[in-house]
Amino acid sequence: MNKDSSNLNLLFSTPVWISLIPNYEEVNNKMYNYIKNLQTKDPEGVKKSNIHGWHSNNFDLDIEEPKFFINAISSSLNEAFNDMSWDVKSHKVKVTSMWSVVNVKNSHNSRHIHSNNYISAAYYVKAPKKAGDIVFHDPRSAAVYHKPKVKEANILNSTIFKVEPKEGLLALFPSYLHHSVETNQSNEERIVISFNINLF
């Protein structure tokens, strides 16, 4: 079958939105101080997907800094909602949880999902080189467990998708999408804010 008589239809796509937040330097300065203050008050944090890194308890979303952060990223959130054509006027959009992970050298995050939400996110407050890419894993089990040899990797045959963290970068993705974080090979901290959004 030639190209003139065939179509490639990309069905049931898994979206990942990547954007750079305007004025991220101001956002990062404010949120860095907030996160380091939390870490000082609670140096143990919690253990979830973090291996050797520090994971905060959930932020108090009623105080200034988280509210400031949500306002700063609101245009990117609205873009994702529009792309999905979700009727947000008929639903209450709610950030259900928000926290920070600080990965020092040799820290990483194991593969996991954020269940019972629609959209999850990673936003980079501090992201030195070689601090660990976020890795998204193919959610289709057939593709993961039964894959023929390929001549070269492309968007159709790959089973992972990596995003290199950069300061001010926001990654939004469906909460069902498995993801992990590679080992921080730098001598500096990798600081991320993660959160979940649900529609009620």
Protein backbone atom coordinates (compact mmCIF):
# COMPACT_ATOMS: atom_id res chain seq x y z
CA MET A 1 0.00 0.00 0.00
CA ASN A 2 1.50 3.35 -0.99
CA LYS A 3 1.45 6.59 0.99
CA ASP A 4 -1.26 8.12 -1.19
CA SER A 5 -3.74 5.41 -0.20
CA SER A 6 -2.88 4.94 3.47
CA ASN A 7 -3.04 7.00 6.65
CA LEU A 8 -1.12 6.69 9.89
CA ASN A 9 -3.57 7.29 12.74
CA LEU A 10 -2.04 7.83 16.18
CA LEU A 11 -4.80 6.52 18.44
CA PHE A 12 -5.18 6.82 22.21
CA SER A 13 -2.15 9.07 22.63
CA THR A 14 -0.57 9.71 26.03
CA PRO A 15 0.12 13.45 26.32
CA VAL A 16 3.09 14.96 28.14
CA TRP A 17 3.14 18.76 28.22
CA ILE A 18 6.51 20.49 28.61
CA SER A 19 6.70 24.24 29.15
CA LEU A 20 9.03 26.87 30.57
CA ILE A 21 7.28 29.05 33.14
CA PRO A 22 7.56 32.85 32.62
CA ASN A 23 9.57 34.68 35.31
CA TYR A 24 10.67 31.34 36.72
CA GLU A 25 13.65 32.92 38.51
CA GLU A 26 11.31 34.74 40.91
CA VAL A 27 9.21 31.60 41.36
CA ASN A 28 12.27 29.47 42.04
CA ASN A 29 13.80 31.87 44.54
CA LYS A 30 10.60 32.02 46.55
CA MET A 31 9.91 28.29 46.42
CA TYR A 32 13.54 27.35 47.13
CA ASN A 33 13.42 29.26 50.42
CA TYR A 34 10.06 27.72 51.27
CA ILE A 35 11.28 24.17 50.57
CA LYS A 36 14.56 24.54 52.45
CA ASN A 37 12.63 25.89 55.44
CA LEU A 38 10.41 22.80 55.35
CA GLN A 39 13.47 20.56 55.13
CA THR A 40 15.07 22.28 58.12
CA LYS A 41 11.91 21.78 60.21
CA ASP A 42 11.39 18.17 59.05
CA PRO A 43 14.76 16.69 57.99
CA GLU A 44 13.39 13.11 57.95
CA GLY A 45 10.54 13.85 55.55
CA VAL A 46 8.64 10.81 54.23
CA LYS A 47 9.63 7.73 52.26
CA LYS A 48 7.77 7.07 49.02
CA SER A 49 9.46 6.64 45.63
CA ASN A 50 12.55 8.51 46.84
CA ILE A 51 15.73 6.48 47.24
CA HIS A 52 18.21 8.39 49.46
CA GLY A 53 16.57 11.72 48.61
CA TRP A 54 14.38 13.87 50.86
CA HIS A 55 10.60 13.86 50.25
CA SER A 56 8.56 16.51 52.04
CA ASN A 57 5.18 16.05 53.58
CA ASN A 58 2.36 17.66 51.59
CA PHE A 59 2.45 21.43 51.35
CA ASP A 60 -0.17 23.50 53.15
CA LEU A 61 -2.02 24.81 50.11
CA ASP A 62 -3.67 27.60 52.09
CA ILE A 63 -0.46 29.56 52.70
CA GLU A 64 1.27 32.14 50.53
CA GLU A 65 4.03 30.22 48.77
CA PRO A 66 2.00 27.32 47.32
CA LYS A 67 -0.72 29.77 46.26
CA PHE A 68 1.91 31.93 44.55
CA PHE A 69 3.30 28.87 42.77
CA ILE A 70 -0.09 27.66 41.53
CA ASN A 71 -0.87 31.12 40.18
CA ALA A 72 2.49 31.21 38.35
CA ILE A 73 1.79 27.96 36.49
CA SER A 74 -1.95 28.46 35.91
CA SER A 75 -1.63 29.30 32.19
CA SER A 76 0.18 25.99 31.53
CA LEU A 77 -2.50 24.11 33.43
CA ASN A 78 -5.24 25.80 31.42
CA GLU A 79 -3.45 24.89 28.19
CA ALA A 80 -3.49 21.22 29.17
CA PHE A 81 -7.18 21.38 30.10
CA ASN A 82 -7.97 23.02 26.75
CA ASP A 83 -5.98 20.41 24.81
CA MET A 84 -7.98 17.68 26.54
CA SER A 85 -11.20 19.62 25.90
CA TRP A 86 -12.25 19.11 29.50
CA ASP A 87 -15.30 21.10 30.57
CA VAL A 88 -13.70 22.73 33.60
CA LYS A 89 -16.74 25.00 34.06
CA SER A 90 -18.77 21.92 34.96
CA HIS A 91 -16.17 20.60 37.38
CA LYS A 92 -14.26 21.81 40.38
CA VAL A 93 -10.54 21.72 39.54
CA LYS A 94 -8.56 20.95 42.67
CA VAL A 95 -4.89 20.47 43.49
CA THR A 96 -5.22 17.43 45.74
CA SER A 97 -1.61 17.32 46.94
CA MET A 98 1.72 19.08 46.44
CA TRP A 99 5.18 18.26 47.78
CA SER A 100 8.89 18.58 47.07
CA VAL A 101 11.69 16.06 46.49
CA VAL A 102 15.32 17.01 47.04
CA ASN A 103 17.72 14.53 45.45
CA VAL A 104 21.35 14.80 46.50
CA LYS A 105 24.18 12.97 44.74
CA ASN A 106 23.35 9.26 44.10
CA SER A 107 19.65 9.75 44.88
CA HIS A 108 16.90 8.64 42.51
CA ASN A 109 13.19 7.82 42.41
CA SER A 110 11.79 4.39 41.65
CA ARG A 111 9.09 3.80 39.06
CA HIS A 112 5.62 4.77 40.25
CA ILE A 113 2.29 6.41 39.37
CA HIS A 114 0.05 8.94 41.13
CA SER A 115 -3.20 7.03 41.40
CA ASN A 116 -6.71 8.48 41.69
CA ASN A 117 -5.90 11.77 39.96
CA TYR A 118 -6.17 13.13 36.41
CA ILE A 119 -3.01 15.19 35.96
CA SER A 120 0.32 15.07 37.77
CA ALA A 121 3.35 17.30 37.42
CA ALA A 122 7.02 17.92 38.02
CA TYR A 123 8.39 21.45 38.23
CA TYR A 124 12.11 22.13 38.57
CA VAL A 125 13.31 24.61 41.17
CA LYS A 126 16.94 23.50 40.91
CA ALA A 127 18.28 21.32 38.11
CA PRO A 128 22.04 21.03 37.62
CA LYS A 129 23.46 19.04 34.72
CA LYS A 130 23.44 15.24 35.16
CA ALA A 131 21.03 15.53 38.09
CA GLY A 132 18.72 12.83 36.70
CA ASP A 133 16.20 12.86 33.85
CA ILE A 134 12.57 12.08 34.52
CA VAL A 135 11.73 8.91 32.58
CA PHE A 136 8.21 8.16 31.35
CA HIS A 137 7.41 4.49 30.70
CA ASP A 138 5.08 3.08 28.06
CA PRO A 139 1.77 2.33 29.82
CA ARG A 140 0.84 -0.40 27.32
CA SER A 141 1.89 -3.78 28.68
CA ALA A 142 1.97 -5.44 25.24
CA ALA A 143 4.53 -2.94 24.00
CA VAL A 144 6.64 -3.35 27.12
CA TYR A 145 6.76 -7.13 27.19
CA HIS A 146 6.70 -7.99 23.49
CA LYS A 147 8.91 -5.77 21.39
CA PRO A 148 10.65 -6.72 18.13
CA LYS A 149 14.12 -5.50 17.25
CA VAL A 150 14.15 -2.02 15.69
CA LYS A 151 16.52 -0.38 13.22
CA GLU A 152 16.41 2.90 15.12
CA ALA A 153 14.36 4.31 17.97
CA ASN A 154 11.51 6.69 17.18
CA ILE A 155 8.33 7.97 18.79
CA LEU A 156 6.35 4.95 17.56
CA ASN A 157 8.62 2.17 18.79
CA SER A 158 10.17 3.61 21.95
CA THR A 159 9.02 2.34 25.34
CA ILE A 160 10.49 5.22 27.36
CA PHE A 161 10.59 8.98 26.97
CA LYS A 162 13.13 11.06 28.89
CA VAL A 163 12.94 14.73 29.81
CA GLU A 164 16.06 16.52 31.00
CA PRO A 165 15.18 18.79 33.93
CA LYS A 166 15.81 22.51 33.57
CA GLU A 167 15.10 25.23 36.07
CA GLY A 168 11.66 26.69 35.41
CA LEU A 169 10.52 23.69 33.36
CA LEU A 170 7.08 22.23 34.06
CA ALA A 171 6.11 18.72 32.93
CA LEU A 172 2.43 17.78 33.08
CA PHE A 173 1.29 14.21 32.42
CA PRO A 174 -1.61 11.82 33.07
CA SER A 175 -1.46 10.48 36.61
CA TYR A 176 -1.65 6.88 35.35
CA LEU A 177 1.65 7.24 33.49
CA HIS A 178 4.49 5.33 35.13
CA HIS A 179 7.61 7.43 35.65
CA SER A 180 10.92 7.30 37.46
CA VAL A 181 13.91 9.58 38.04
CA GLU A 182 17.46 8.67 37.09
CA THR A 183 20.30 8.89 39.60
CA ASN A 184 21.64 12.34 40.41
CA GLN A 185 25.25 12.18 39.23
CA SER A 186 26.01 15.80 40.05
CA ASN A 187 27.39 17.20 43.28
CA GLU A 188 24.42 19.55 43.64
CA GLU A 189 20.84 19.13 44.75
CA ARG A 190 18.04 18.45 42.29
CA ILE A 191 14.89 20.11 43.66
CA VAL A 192 11.47 19.39 42.20
CA ILE A 193 7.91 20.35 43.13
CA SER A 194 5.34 17.68 42.29
CA PHE A 195 1.58 17.89 42.53
CA ASN A 196 -1.66 16.18 41.54
CA ILE A 197 -4.84 17.63 40.09
CA ASN A 198 -8.30 16.13 40.16
CA LEU A 199 -11.64 17.22 38.72
CA PHE A 200 -14.77 16.79 40.79
